[in-house]
Amino acid sequence: MHFCSEEKELEYISNEISTRLYKKYNLKDIAIIARKKGQLYNAKDFLIKRGVNADIIDKRNPNFDNDSVKLITMHSIKGLEFNVVMIIGVNKDIIPILKK
């Protein structure tokens, strides 16, 4: 889907989690992936304000047991599996990464 802003994208995702995905999956079965960690912090704040529990997963916080949506960078998700995976912030300035 195309979104005109990060806020609209996160609003859509929080609604999907709250209305559709929450009925079928535990929150810990859902991952949101972004290229930059700053995107994950924005997503976490947004989701928590809307009542969706979320945790950023990294080397300092590798806790997968909490029933919360897992927010992970593209580099950290390698080798992990989730039932639902959403990628945020996919746009021409972020992805693809073009090497010159």
N, C-alpha and C. Protein backbone atom coordinates (compact mmCIF):
# COMPACT_ATOMS: atom_id res chain seq x y z
N MET A 1 0.84 -1.18 0.00
CA MET A 1 0.00 0.00 0.00
C MET A 1 0.89 1.24 0.00
N HIS A 2 0.35 2.30 -0.50
CA HIS A 2 1.06 3.58 -0.51
C HIS A 2 0.42 4.50 0.52
N PHE A 3 1.27 5.16 1.30
CA PHE A 3 0.80 6.09 2.32
C PHE A 3 1.47 7.44 2.11
N CYS A 4 0.74 8.50 2.35
CA CYS A 4 1.28 9.84 2.13
C CYS A 4 2.16 10.31 3.28
N SER A 5 2.12 9.60 4.40
CA SER A 5 2.95 9.98 5.54
C SER A 5 3.21 8.78 6.43
N GLU A 6 4.24 8.91 7.27
CA GLU A 6 4.56 7.86 8.22
C GLU A 6 3.40 7.66 9.19
N GLU A 7 2.76 8.75 9.58
CA GLU A 7 1.64 8.66 10.51
C GLU A 7 0.48 7.85 9.92
N LYS A 8 0.16 8.09 8.65
CA LYS A 8 -0.92 7.34 8.00
C LYS A 8 -0.58 5.85 7.90
N GLU A 9 0.68 5.55 7.62
CA GLU A 9 1.12 4.16 7.55
C GLU A 9 0.97 3.48 8.91
N LEU A 10 1.43 4.14 9.96
CA LEU A 10 1.34 3.56 11.31
C LEU A 10 -0.10 3.48 11.79
N GLU A 11 -0.92 4.41 11.39
CA GLU A 11 -2.34 4.37 11.74
C GLU A 11 -3.00 3.13 11.11
N TYR A 12 -2.69 2.88 9.85
CA TYR A 12 -3.21 1.70 9.16
C TYR A 12 -2.75 0.42 9.87
N ILE A 13 -1.47 0.35 10.19
CA ILE A 13 -0.92 -0.85 10.84
C ILE A 13 -1.54 -1.06 12.22
N SER A 14 -1.67 -0.01 13.01
CA SER A 14 -2.27 -0.18 14.34
C SER A 14 -3.72 -0.62 14.23
N ASN A 15 -4.44 -0.11 13.24
CA ASN A 15 -5.83 -0.55 13.04
C ASN A 15 -5.90 -2.01 12.62
N GLU A 16 -5.01 -2.43 11.73
CA GLU A 16 -4.97 -3.83 11.30
C GLU A 16 -4.69 -4.76 12.48
N ILE A 17 -3.74 -4.36 13.31
CA ILE A 17 -3.40 -5.19 14.47
C ILE A 17 -4.58 -5.24 15.44
N SER A 18 -5.17 -4.09 15.73
CA SER A 18 -6.25 -4.01 16.72
C SER A 18 -7.54 -4.67 16.27
N THR A 19 -7.84 -4.60 14.98
CA THR A 19 -9.14 -5.09 14.53
C THR A 19 -9.09 -6.47 13.88
N ARG A 20 -8.06 -6.78 13.13
CA ARG A 20 -8.04 -8.05 12.40
C ARG A 20 -7.05 -9.05 12.97
N LEU A 21 -5.80 -8.65 13.12
CA LEU A 21 -4.75 -9.59 13.49
C LEU A 21 -4.87 -10.07 14.93
N TYR A 22 -5.33 -9.19 15.82
CA TYR A 22 -5.43 -9.51 17.24
C TYR A 22 -6.38 -10.68 17.49
N LYS A 23 -7.36 -10.86 16.59
CA LYS A 23 -8.32 -11.95 16.74
C LYS A 23 -7.71 -13.32 16.42
N LYS A 24 -6.69 -13.33 15.56
CA LYS A 24 -6.14 -14.59 15.09
C LYS A 24 -4.76 -14.91 15.67
N TYR A 25 -3.99 -13.88 16.03
CA TYR A 25 -2.61 -14.07 16.47
C TYR A 25 -2.36 -13.42 17.82
N ASN A 26 -1.40 -13.96 18.55
CA ASN A 26 -0.89 -13.26 19.72
C ASN A 26 -0.03 -12.11 19.21
N LEU A 27 0.09 -11.07 20.01
CA LEU A 27 0.92 -9.93 19.59
C LEU A 27 2.36 -10.36 19.34
N LYS A 28 2.86 -11.32 20.13
CA LYS A 28 4.25 -11.74 19.96
C LYS A 28 4.50 -12.48 18.65
N ASP A 29 3.43 -12.81 17.92
CA ASP A 29 3.55 -13.46 16.62
C ASP A 29 3.64 -12.46 15.47
N ILE A 30 3.63 -11.17 15.80
CA ILE A 30 3.62 -10.11 14.79
C ILE A 30 4.93 -9.33 14.86
N ALA A 31 5.56 -9.14 13.71
CA ALA A 31 6.79 -8.35 13.64
C ALA A 31 6.62 -7.20 12.66
N ILE A 32 7.17 -6.07 13.04
CA ILE A 32 7.24 -4.92 12.15
C ILE A 32 8.71 -4.65 11.91
N ILE A 33 9.07 -4.57 10.64
CA ILE A 33 10.47 -4.41 10.25
C ILE A 33 10.67 -3.03 9.63
N ALA A 34 11.80 -2.41 9.94
CA ALA A 34 12.19 -1.15 9.31
C ALA A 34 13.69 -1.16 9.08
N ARG A 35 14.14 -0.35 8.17
CA ARG A 35 15.58 -0.27 7.90
C ARG A 35 16.29 0.48 9.01
N LYS A 36 15.69 1.57 9.48
CA LYS A 36 16.35 2.43 10.46
C LYS A 36 15.70 2.30 11.84
N LYS A 37 16.53 2.30 12.84
CA LYS A 37 16.04 2.14 14.22
C LYS A 37 15.12 3.29 14.63
N GLY A 38 15.38 4.48 14.12
CA GLY A 38 14.51 5.62 14.42
C GLY A 38 13.07 5.38 14.00
N GLN A 39 12.90 4.67 12.90
CA GLN A 39 11.55 4.32 12.45
C GLN A 39 10.86 3.42 13.47
N LEU A 40 11.64 2.53 14.08
CA LEU A 40 11.08 1.63 15.08
C LEU A 40 10.65 2.38 16.33
N TYR A 41 11.44 3.35 16.76
CA TYR A 41 11.06 4.16 17.93
C TYR A 41 9.76 4.91 17.65
N ASN A 42 9.63 5.48 16.46
CA ASN A 42 8.39 6.17 16.10
C ASN A 42 7.21 5.21 16.10
N ALA A 43 7.42 4.02 15.54
CA ALA A 43 6.36 3.02 15.49
C ALA A 43 5.95 2.58 16.90
N LYS A 44 6.94 2.36 17.75
CA LYS A 44 6.64 1.93 19.12
C LYS A 44 5.80 2.98 19.85
N ASP A 45 6.22 4.23 19.79
CA ASP A 45 5.46 5.31 20.44
C ASP A 45 4.03 5.37 19.90
N PHE A 46 3.90 5.29 18.58
CA PHE A 46 2.59 5.37 17.94
C PHE A 46 1.70 4.21 18.40
N LEU A 47 2.22 3.00 18.34
CA LEU A 47 1.42 1.83 18.72
C LEU A 47 1.01 1.86 20.18
N ILE A 48 1.93 2.19 21.05
CA ILE A 48 1.61 2.23 22.48
C ILE A 48 0.54 3.27 22.78
N LYS A 49 0.62 4.42 22.13
CA LYS A 49 -0.41 5.46 22.33
C LYS A 49 -1.79 4.97 21.90
N ARG A 50 -1.83 4.00 21.00
CA ARG A 50 -3.10 3.45 20.52
C ARG A 50 -3.46 2.13 21.18
N GLY A 51 -2.76 1.81 22.25
CA GLY A 51 -3.11 0.64 23.04
C GLY A 51 -2.57 -0.68 22.54
N VAL A 52 -1.59 -0.64 21.63
CA VAL A 52 -0.97 -1.87 21.11
C VAL A 52 0.40 -2.00 21.75
N ASN A 53 0.60 -3.03 22.56
CA ASN A 53 1.88 -3.24 23.22
C ASN A 53 2.95 -3.58 22.19
N ALA A 54 4.10 -2.92 22.26
CA ALA A 54 5.18 -3.13 21.28
C ALA A 54 6.53 -3.00 21.96
N ASP A 55 7.48 -3.83 21.52
CA ASP A 55 8.85 -3.81 22.03
C ASP A 55 9.84 -3.80 20.88
N ILE A 56 10.88 -3.00 21.02
CA ILE A 56 11.97 -3.03 20.07
C ILE A 56 12.91 -4.16 20.48
N ILE A 57 13.21 -5.03 19.54
CA ILE A 57 14.08 -6.17 19.79
C ILE A 57 15.45 -5.88 19.18
N ASP A 58 16.47 -5.98 20.02
CA ASP A 58 17.85 -5.81 19.54
C ASP A 58 18.77 -6.58 20.48
N LYS A 59 20.05 -6.38 20.32
CA LYS A 59 21.02 -7.12 21.14
C LYS A 59 20.85 -6.82 22.63
N ARG A 60 20.47 -5.59 22.95
CA ARG A 60 20.29 -5.21 24.36
C ARG A 60 18.96 -5.71 24.93
N ASN A 61 17.98 -5.94 24.05
CA ASN A 61 16.68 -6.41 24.49
C ASN A 61 16.22 -7.55 23.58
N PRO A 62 16.74 -8.76 23.80
CA PRO A 62 16.38 -9.89 22.94
C PRO A 62 15.16 -10.66 23.44
N ASN A 63 14.28 -10.03 24.21
CA ASN A 63 13.16 -10.71 24.83
C ASN A 63 12.02 -10.94 23.82
N PHE A 64 11.81 -12.20 23.46
CA PHE A 64 10.75 -12.56 22.53
C PHE A 64 9.52 -13.10 23.24
N ASP A 65 9.58 -13.23 24.57
CA ASP A 65 8.50 -13.86 25.32
C ASP A 65 7.34 -12.93 25.65
N ASN A 66 7.59 -11.63 25.74
CA ASN A 66 6.50 -10.69 26.05
C ASN A 66 5.44 -10.75 24.96
N ASP A 67 4.17 -10.65 25.37
CA ASP A 67 3.11 -10.61 24.37
C ASP A 67 3.00 -9.17 23.85
N SER A 68 3.88 -8.87 22.92
CA SER A 68 3.92 -7.55 22.32
C SER A 68 4.36 -7.69 20.86
N VAL A 69 3.98 -6.71 20.06
CA VAL A 69 4.45 -6.67 18.68
C VAL A 69 5.95 -6.44 18.73
N LYS A 70 6.69 -7.19 17.92
CA LYS A 70 8.15 -7.09 17.89
C LYS A 70 8.57 -6.12 16.79
N LEU A 71 9.35 -5.13 17.14
CA LEU A 71 9.86 -4.14 16.20
C LEU A 71 11.34 -4.41 16.01
N ILE A 72 11.74 -4.69 14.75
CA ILE A 72 13.09 -5.18 14.49
C ILE A 72 13.62 -4.54 13.21
N THR A 73 14.92 -4.24 13.21
CA THR A 73 15.52 -3.73 11.98
C THR A 73 15.71 -4.88 10.98
N MET A 74 15.84 -4.51 9.73
CA MET A 74 16.05 -5.52 8.68
C MET A 74 17.30 -6.34 8.92
N HIS A 75 18.29 -5.71 9.49
CA HIS A 75 19.56 -6.40 9.73
C HIS A 75 19.47 -7.38 10.89
N SER A 76 18.58 -7.11 11.83
CA SER A 76 18.46 -7.97 13.02
C SER A 76 17.49 -9.12 12.85
N ILE A 77 16.65 -9.07 11.84
CA ILE A 77 15.61 -10.10 11.72
C ILE A 77 16.09 -11.37 11.04
N LYS A 78 17.25 -11.33 10.48
CA LYS A 78 17.76 -12.49 9.75
C LYS A 78 17.74 -13.74 10.64
N GLY A 79 17.13 -14.81 10.13
CA GLY A 79 17.06 -16.07 10.85
C GLY A 79 15.87 -16.19 11.78
N LEU A 80 15.07 -15.14 11.93
CA LEU A 80 13.90 -15.18 12.81
C LEU A 80 12.64 -15.45 12.00
N GLU A 81 11.65 -16.02 12.65
CA GLU A 81 10.38 -16.31 11.98
C GLU A 81 9.23 -15.76 12.80
N PHE A 82 8.25 -15.20 12.10
CA PHE A 82 7.02 -14.69 12.71
C PHE A 82 5.86 -15.08 11.81
N ASN A 83 4.67 -15.20 12.39
CA ASN A 83 3.48 -15.51 11.60
C ASN A 83 3.06 -14.35 10.72
N VAL A 84 3.24 -13.14 11.22
CA VAL A 84 2.87 -11.93 10.48
C VAL A 84 4.07 -10.99 10.46
N VAL A 85 4.44 -10.52 9.26
CA VAL A 85 5.55 -9.59 9.12
C VAL A 85 5.09 -8.41 8.27
N MET A 86 5.31 -7.21 8.79
CA MET A 86 5.01 -5.98 8.05
C MET A 86 6.29 -5.16 7.93
N ILE A 87 6.52 -4.61 6.76
CA ILE A 87 7.69 -3.77 6.54
C ILE A 87 7.20 -2.34 6.41
N ILE A 88 7.79 -1.45 7.21
CA ILE A 88 7.39 -0.04 7.15
C ILE A 88 8.49 0.80 6.52
N GLY A 89 8.08 1.97 6.06
CA GLY A 89 9.04 2.93 5.54
C GLY A 89 9.67 2.55 4.22
N VAL A 90 8.96 1.77 3.43
CA VAL A 90 9.52 1.38 2.13
C VAL A 90 9.21 2.51 1.14
N ASN A 91 10.23 3.26 0.82
CA ASN A 91 10.09 4.33 -0.17
C ASN A 91 11.41 4.54 -0.87
N LYS A 92 11.41 5.34 -1.88
CA LYS A 92 12.61 5.49 -2.71
C LYS A 92 13.80 6.07 -1.96
N ASP A 93 13.57 6.75 -0.85
CA ASP A 93 14.69 7.31 -0.09
C ASP A 93 15.27 6.32 0.93
N ILE A 94 14.57 5.27 1.23
CA ILE A 94 14.99 4.29 2.23
C ILE A 94 15.37 2.96 1.58
N ILE A 95 14.49 2.43 0.75
CA ILE A 95 14.70 1.14 0.10
C ILE A 95 14.34 1.30 -1.37
N PRO A 96 15.03 0.83 -2.30
CA PRO A 96 16.23 0.02 -2.14
C PRO A 96 17.44 0.86 -1.78
N ILE A 97 18.43 0.20 -1.22
CA ILE A 97 19.69 0.86 -0.92
C ILE A 97 20.56 0.70 -2.18
N LEU A 98 20.79 1.81 -2.82
CA LEU A 98 21.59 1.75 -4.04
C LEU A 98 23.04 2.06 -3.73
N LYS A 99 23.90 1.17 -4.11
CA LYS A 99 25.34 1.39 -3.89
C LYS A 99 25.90 2.03 -5.16
N LYS A 100 26.67 3.08 -4.96
CA LYS A 100 27.25 3.79 -6.10
C LYS A 100 28.71 3.54 -6.22
